[in-house]
């Protein structure tokens, strides 16, 4: 299955199973790239949020005019922070942002339960590393990349390169098919 990509400098389309790492400065404005990725050529998408709550994800999707009927959100923060939450078909929770197995299980459940062109946005791997440690975050990322291949889906994973040393960034970059490097001035460099 082929997926169209709306990222400047990237190929017009990629095969199912393709994974893209979005490298950005800690102050980088990633929402535009993220939402363009999600709203193009998609039947259903999952936003795994280790950085914001489901409510904030919904606000972002609405602001960028992304079809929310296609959206499923995995909120990793609300339970630990004691926020009220209401599970439904389109919003799921894990107990804490370091619940790596719970996150991977929810990604797998999404990929098994939906048909068509499926996309995942993981925002952010840096936050997962903050809560669970870099080794656990890398292992979870690799497990999810395997699921993307298995289910012919595509994924975009956020990583703030200012937070990690160069060796760690390279470790995270290695298993990905492509890298989108967002500079502070908003310019984008793409490597596939």
C-alpha atoms as a PDB file:
ATOM      1  CA  UNK A   1       0.000   0.000   0.000  1.00  0.00           C
ATOM      2  CA  UNK A   2       1.266   3.497  -0.871  1.00  0.00           C
ATOM      3  CA  UNK A   3       0.748   6.549   1.335  1.00  0.00           C
ATOM      4  CA  UNK A   4       0.935  10.135   0.096  1.00  0.00           C
ATOM      5  CA  UNK A   5       3.250  12.433   2.080  1.00  0.00           C
ATOM      6  CA  UNK A   6       2.716  16.172   2.480  1.00  0.00           C
ATOM      7  CA  UNK A   7       6.173  17.072   3.777  1.00  0.00           C
ATOM      8  CA  UNK A   8       8.332  19.538   1.825  1.00  0.00           C
ATOM      9  CA  UNK A   9      11.331  17.767   0.339  1.00  0.00           C
ATOM     10  CA  UNK A  10      10.037  14.262   1.110  1.00  0.00           C
ATOM     11  CA  UNK A  11       9.002  11.745  -1.525  1.00  0.00           C
ATOM     12  CA  UNK A  12       5.430  12.256  -2.780  1.00  0.00           C
ATOM     13  CA  UNK A  13       4.540   8.833  -1.413  1.00  0.00           C
ATOM     14  CA  UNK A  14       5.979   6.040   0.697  1.00  0.00           C
ATOM     15  CA  UNK A  15       5.198   2.368   1.101  1.00  0.00           C
ATOM     16  CA  UNK A  16       3.284   0.971   4.050  1.00  0.00           C
ATOM     17  CA  UNK A  17       5.638   0.134   6.898  1.00  0.00           C
ATOM     18  CA  UNK A  18       7.614   3.366   6.439  1.00  0.00           C
ATOM     19  CA  UNK A  19       8.696   5.200   9.577  1.00  0.00           C
ATOM     20  CA  UNK A  20       9.765   8.842   9.742  1.00  0.00           C
ATOM     21  CA  UNK A  21      11.691  10.535  12.549  1.00  0.00           C
ATOM     22  CA  UNK A  22      10.866  14.221  13.054  1.00  0.00           C
ATOM     23  CA  UNK A  23      13.931  15.850  14.621  1.00  0.00           C
ATOM     24  CA  UNK A  24      13.202  19.281  16.015  1.00  0.00           C
ATOM     25  CA  UNK A  25      14.565  21.892  18.416  1.00  0.00           C
ATOM     26  CA  UNK A  26      12.868  21.944  21.806  1.00  0.00           C
ATOM     27  CA  UNK A  27      11.093  25.145  20.801  1.00  0.00           C
ATOM     28  CA  UNK A  28      10.259  23.843  17.328  1.00  0.00           C
ATOM     29  CA  UNK A  29       6.769  24.244  15.908  1.00  0.00           C
ATOM     30  CA  UNK A  30       6.030  20.644  14.946  1.00  0.00           C
ATOM     31  CA  UNK A  31       2.226  20.904  14.775  1.00  0.00           C
ATOM     32  CA  UNK A  32       2.100  21.890  11.102  1.00  0.00           C
ATOM     33  CA  UNK A  33       4.233  18.933   9.958  1.00  0.00           C
ATOM     34  CA  UNK A  34       2.411  16.558  12.294  1.00  0.00           C
ATOM     35  CA  UNK A  35      -1.099  17.545  11.232  1.00  0.00           C
ATOM     36  CA  UNK A  36      -0.221  17.604   7.504  1.00  0.00           C
ATOM     37  CA  UNK A  37       1.098  14.064   7.960  1.00  0.00           C
ATOM     38  CA  UNK A  38      -2.098  12.942   9.703  1.00  0.00           C
ATOM     39  CA  UNK A  39      -4.699  14.487   7.419  1.00  0.00           C
ATOM     40  CA  UNK A  40      -3.266  13.297   4.098  1.00  0.00           C
ATOM     41  CA  UNK A  41      -4.387  10.019   2.499  1.00  0.00           C
ATOM     42  CA  UNK A  42      -5.573   8.504   5.798  1.00  0.00           C
ATOM     43  CA  UNK A  43      -8.524   6.358   6.864  1.00  0.00           C
ATOM     44  CA  UNK A  44      -7.668   6.279  10.580  1.00  0.00           C
ATOM     45  CA  UNK A  45      -4.817   7.604  12.691  1.00  0.00           C
ATOM     46  CA  UNK A  46      -3.550   7.187  16.235  1.00  0.00           C
ATOM     47  CA  UNK A  47      -1.888  10.007  18.168  1.00  0.00           C
ATOM     48  CA  UNK A  48       0.256   8.648  21.001  1.00  0.00           C
ATOM     49  CA  UNK A  49       0.735  11.616  23.308  1.00  0.00           C
ATOM     50  CA  UNK A  50       3.351  11.556  26.026  1.00  0.00           C
ATOM     51  CA  UNK A  51       3.583  15.357  25.918  1.00  0.00           C
ATOM     52  CA  UNK A  52      -0.011  16.627  26.089  1.00  0.00           C
ATOM     53  CA  UNK A  53      -3.415  15.383  27.234  1.00  0.00           C
ATOM     54  CA  UNK A  54      -6.152  14.054  24.945  1.00  0.00           C
ATOM     55  CA  UNK A  55      -8.040  17.350  25.322  1.00  0.00           C
ATOM     56  CA  UNK A  56      -4.997  19.273  24.059  1.00  0.00           C
ATOM     57  CA  UNK A  57      -4.542  16.852  21.159  1.00  0.00           C
ATOM     58  CA  UNK A  58      -8.196  17.358  20.153  1.00  0.00           C
ATOM     59  CA  UNK A  59      -7.711  21.131  20.273  1.00  0.00           C
ATOM     60  CA  UNK A  60      -4.663  20.832  17.987  1.00  0.00           C
ATOM     61  CA  UNK A  61      -6.547  18.658  15.493  1.00  0.00           C
ATOM     62  CA  UNK A  62      -9.452  21.101  15.455  1.00  0.00           C
ATOM     63  CA  UNK A  63      -7.147  24.122  15.047  1.00  0.00           C
ATOM     64  CA  UNK A  64      -5.406  22.547  12.035  1.00  0.00           C
ATOM     65  CA  UNK A  65      -8.666  21.311  10.509  1.00  0.00           C
ATOM     66  CA  UNK A  66      -7.858  17.596  10.770  1.00  0.00           C
ATOM     67  CA  UNK A  67     -10.835  15.226  10.425  1.00  0.00           C
ATOM     68  CA  UNK A  68     -11.387  14.130  14.028  1.00  0.00           C
ATOM     69  CA  UNK A  69     -13.661  11.277  12.956  1.00  0.00           C
ATOM     70  CA  UNK A  70     -10.469   9.496  11.797  1.00  0.00           C
ATOM     71  CA  UNK A  71      -8.678  10.108  15.104  1.00  0.00           C
ATOM     72  CA  UNK A  72      -7.853   7.793  17.979  1.00  0.00           C
ATOM     73  CA  UNK A  73      -5.852   9.289  20.848  1.00  0.00           C
ATOM     74  CA  UNK A  74      -3.710   7.532  23.417  1.00  0.00           C
ATOM     75  CA  UNK A  75      -3.304   9.832  26.424  1.00  0.00           C
ATOM     76  CA  UNK A  76      -0.424   8.757  28.675  1.00  0.00           C
ATOM     77  CA  UNK A  77      -0.585  11.726  31.073  1.00  0.00           C
ATOM     78  CA  UNK A  78      -4.105  12.247  32.447  1.00  0.00           C
ATOM     79  CA  UNK A  79      -4.331   9.278  34.830  1.00  0.00           C
ATOM     80  CA  UNK A  80      -1.007  10.019  36.515  1.00  0.00           C
ATOM     81  CA  UNK A  81      -1.862  13.715  36.803  1.00  0.00           C
ATOM     82  CA  UNK A  82      -5.271  12.934  38.304  1.00  0.00           C
ATOM     83  CA  UNK A  83      -7.261  14.630  35.525  1.00  0.00           C
ATOM     84  CA  UNK A  84     -10.799  13.501  34.867  1.00  0.00           C
ATOM     85  CA  UNK A  85     -10.996  11.240  31.866  1.00  0.00           C
ATOM     86  CA  UNK A  86     -13.644   9.536  29.846  1.00  0.00           C
ATOM     87  CA  UNK A  87     -12.577   6.552  27.758  1.00  0.00           C
ATOM     88  CA  UNK A  88     -14.387   5.956  24.521  1.00  0.00           C
ATOM     89  CA  UNK A  89     -13.850   4.427  21.126  1.00  0.00           C
ATOM     90  CA  UNK A  90     -11.539   7.272  20.188  1.00  0.00           C
ATOM     91  CA  UNK A  91      -9.669   8.015  23.448  1.00  0.00           C
ATOM     92  CA  UNK A  92      -7.614   5.524  25.431  1.00  0.00           C
ATOM     93  CA  UNK A  93      -5.359   5.857  28.457  1.00  0.00           C
ATOM     94  CA  UNK A  94      -2.391   4.145  30.039  1.00  0.00           C
ATOM     95  CA  UNK A  95      -1.615   4.432  33.735  1.00  0.00           C
ATOM     96  CA  UNK A  96       1.524   6.544  33.350  1.00  0.00           C
ATOM     97  CA  UNK A  97       3.786   7.990  30.643  1.00  0.00           C
ATOM     98  CA  UNK A  98       6.456   5.385  31.456  1.00  0.00           C
ATOM     99  CA  UNK A  99       4.071   2.436  30.852  1.00  0.00           C
ATOM    100  CA  UNK A 100       6.002   1.283  27.801  1.00  0.00           C
ATOM    101  CA  UNK A 101       4.252  -2.095  27.501  1.00  0.00           C
ATOM    102  CA  UNK A 102       0.845  -0.445  27.839  1.00  0.00           C
ATOM    103  CA  UNK A 103       1.688   2.045  25.091  1.00  0.00           C
ATOM    104  CA  UNK A 104       2.906  -0.663  22.700  1.00  0.00           C
ATOM    105  CA  UNK A 105      -0.200  -2.768  23.475  1.00  0.00           C
ATOM    106  CA  UNK A 106      -2.506   0.156  22.643  1.00  0.00           C
ATOM    107  CA  UNK A 107      -0.658   0.790  19.358  1.00  0.00           C
ATOM    108  CA  UNK A 108      -1.012  -2.882  18.448  1.00  0.00           C
ATOM    109  CA  UNK A 109      -4.721  -2.835  19.364  1.00  0.00           C
ATOM    110  CA  UNK A 110      -5.280   0.199  17.124  1.00  0.00           C
ATOM    111  CA  UNK A 111      -3.505  -1.445  14.182  1.00  0.00           C
ATOM    112  CA  UNK A 112      -5.461  -4.676  14.645  1.00  0.00           C
ATOM    113  CA  UNK A 113      -8.871  -2.999  15.033  1.00  0.00           C
ATOM    114  CA  UNK A 114      -8.851  -0.590  12.082  1.00  0.00           C
ATOM    115  CA  UNK A 115      -8.661  -1.164   8.333  1.00  0.00           C
ATOM    116  CA  UNK A 116      -7.427   0.918   5.451  1.00  0.00           C
ATOM    117  CA  UNK A 117      -4.622   3.447   5.463  1.00  0.00           C
ATOM    118  CA  UNK A 118      -3.388   3.794   9.038  1.00  0.00           C
ATOM    119  CA  UNK A 119      -1.007   6.398  10.421  1.00  0.00           C
ATOM    120  CA  UNK A 120       0.576   6.891  13.828  1.00  0.00           C
ATOM    121  CA  UNK A 121       1.994  10.074  15.292  1.00  0.00           C
ATOM    122  CA  UNK A 122       4.145   9.561  18.392  1.00  0.00           C
ATOM    123  CA  UNK A 123       4.528  12.891  20.195  1.00  0.00           C
ATOM    124  CA  UNK A 124       7.040  12.520  21.659  1.00  0.00           C
ATOM    125  CA  UNK A 125       9.788   9.942  21.961  1.00  0.00           C
ATOM    126  CA  UNK A 126      11.802  12.530  23.918  1.00  0.00           C
ATOM    127  CA  UNK A 127       9.085  12.705  26.583  1.00  0.00           C
ATOM    128  CA  UNK A 128       8.893   8.910  26.720  1.00  0.00           C
ATOM    129  CA  UNK A 129      12.671   8.829  27.281  1.00  0.00           C
ATOM    130  CA  UNK A 130      12.281  11.434  30.034  1.00  0.00           C
ATOM    131  CA  UNK A 131       9.761   9.275  31.900  1.00  0.00           C
ATOM    132  CA  UNK A 132      10.896   5.722  31.069  1.00  0.00           C
ATOM    133  CA  UNK A 133      14.597   6.171  30.257  1.00  0.00           C
ATOM    134  CA  UNK A 134      16.315   6.255  26.871  1.00  0.00           C
ATOM    135  CA  UNK A 135      16.826   2.485  26.597  1.00  0.00           C
ATOM    136  CA  UNK A 136      13.146   1.737  27.259  1.00  0.00           C
ATOM    137  CA  UNK A 137      12.068   4.493  24.854  1.00  0.00           C
ATOM    138  CA  UNK A 138      14.310   3.123  22.103  1.00  0.00           C
ATOM    139  CA  UNK A 139      13.046  -0.417  22.667  1.00  0.00           C
ATOM    140  CA  UNK A 140       9.406   0.753  22.573  1.00  0.00           C
ATOM    141  CA  UNK A 141      10.069   2.718  19.391  1.00  0.00           C
ATOM    142  CA  UNK A 142      11.622  -0.325  17.711  1.00  0.00           C
ATOM    143  CA  UNK A 143       8.682  -2.518  18.771  1.00  0.00           C
ATOM    144  CA  UNK A 144       6.219   0.002  17.301  1.00  0.00           C
ATOM    145  CA  UNK A 145       8.233   0.235  14.061  1.00  0.00           C
ATOM    146  CA  UNK A 146       7.901  -3.553  13.778  1.00  0.00           C
ATOM    147  CA  UNK A 147       4.118  -3.217  14.198  1.00  0.00           C
ATOM    148  CA  UNK A 148       3.983  -0.576  11.445  1.00  0.00           C
ATOM    149  CA  UNK A 149       5.686  -2.991   9.058  1.00  0.00           C
ATOM    150  CA  UNK A 150       3.496  -5.887  10.109  1.00  0.00           C
ATOM    151  CA  UNK A 151       0.284  -3.902   9.554  1.00  0.00           C
ATOM    152  CA  UNK A 152       1.352  -1.901   6.464  1.00  0.00           C
ATOM    153  CA  UNK A 153       0.948   1.413   8.339  1.00  0.00           C
ATOM    154  CA  UNK A 154       3.164   4.514   8.499  1.00  0.00           C
ATOM    155  CA  UNK A 155       4.398   6.552  11.437  1.00  0.00           C
ATOM    156  CA  UNK A 156       5.885   9.921  12.386  1.00  0.00           C
ATOM    157  CA  UNK A 157       7.889  10.051  15.629  1.00  0.00           C
ATOM    158  CA  UNK A 158       8.933  13.311  17.333  1.00  0.00           C
ATOM    159  CA  UNK A 159      12.403  13.638  18.888  1.00  0.00           C
ATOM    160  CA  UNK A 160      13.885  16.860  20.261  1.00  0.00           C
ATOM    161  CA  UNK A 161      17.550  16.750  19.292  1.00  0.00           C
ATOM    162  CA  UNK A 162      18.545  19.487  21.766  1.00  0.00           C
ATOM    163  CA  UNK A 163      17.624  17.275  24.724  1.00  0.00           C
ATOM    164  CA  UNK A 164      19.720  14.245  23.726  1.00  0.00           C
ATOM    165  CA  UNK A 165      23.433  13.937  23.029  1.00  0.00           C
ATOM    166  CA  UNK A 166      24.580  13.191  19.469  1.00  0.00           C
ATOM    167  CA  UNK A 167      25.114   9.473  20.101  1.00  0.00           C
ATOM    168  CA  UNK A 168      21.598   9.072  21.469  1.00  0.00           C
ATOM    169  CA  UNK A 169      20.086  10.960  18.515  1.00  0.00           C
ATOM    170  CA  UNK A 170      21.960   8.628  16.158  1.00  0.00           C
ATOM    171  CA  UNK A 171      20.700   5.575  18.060  1.00  0.00           C
ATOM    172  CA  UNK A 172      17.127   6.771  17.631  1.00  0.00           C
ATOM    173  CA  UNK A 173      17.677   7.775  14.000  1.00  0.00           C
ATOM    174  CA  UNK A 174      19.121   4.394  12.958  1.00  0.00           C
ATOM    175  CA  UNK A 175      15.926   2.271  12.701  1.00  0.00           C
ATOM    176  CA  UNK A 176      13.923   4.895  10.755  1.00  0.00           C
ATOM    177  CA  UNK A 177      13.394   4.964   6.986  1.00  0.00           C
ATOM    178  CA  UNK A 178      13.447   8.742   6.776  1.00  0.00           C
ATOM    179  CA  UNK A 179      14.306  11.810   8.805  1.00  0.00           C
ATOM    180  CA  UNK A 180      12.674  15.224   8.728  1.00  0.00           C
ATOM    181  CA  UNK A 181      14.932  17.794  10.396  1.00  0.00           C
ATOM    182  CA  UNK A 182      13.064  20.934  11.456  1.00  0.00           C
ATOM    183  CA  UNK A 183      15.245  23.979  12.189  1.00  0.00           C
ATOM    184  CA  UNK A 184      14.350  26.788  14.588  1.00  0.00           C
ATOM    185  CA  UNK A 185      13.631  29.093  11.647  1.00  0.00           C
ATOM    186  CA  UNK A 186      11.017  26.624  10.354  1.00  0.00           C
ATOM    187  CA  UNK A 187      13.085  25.321   7.439  1.00  0.00           C
ATOM    188  CA  UNK A 188      13.006  21.581   6.812  1.00  0.00           C
ATOM    189  CA  UNK A 189      15.703  19.170   5.640  1.00  0.00           C
ATOM    190  CA  UNK A 190      14.514  15.715   4.593  1.00  0.00           C
ATOM    191  CA  UNK A 191      16.568  12.547   4.183  1.00  0.00           C
ATOM    192  CA  UNK A 192      15.099   9.236   2.968  1.00  0.00           C
END
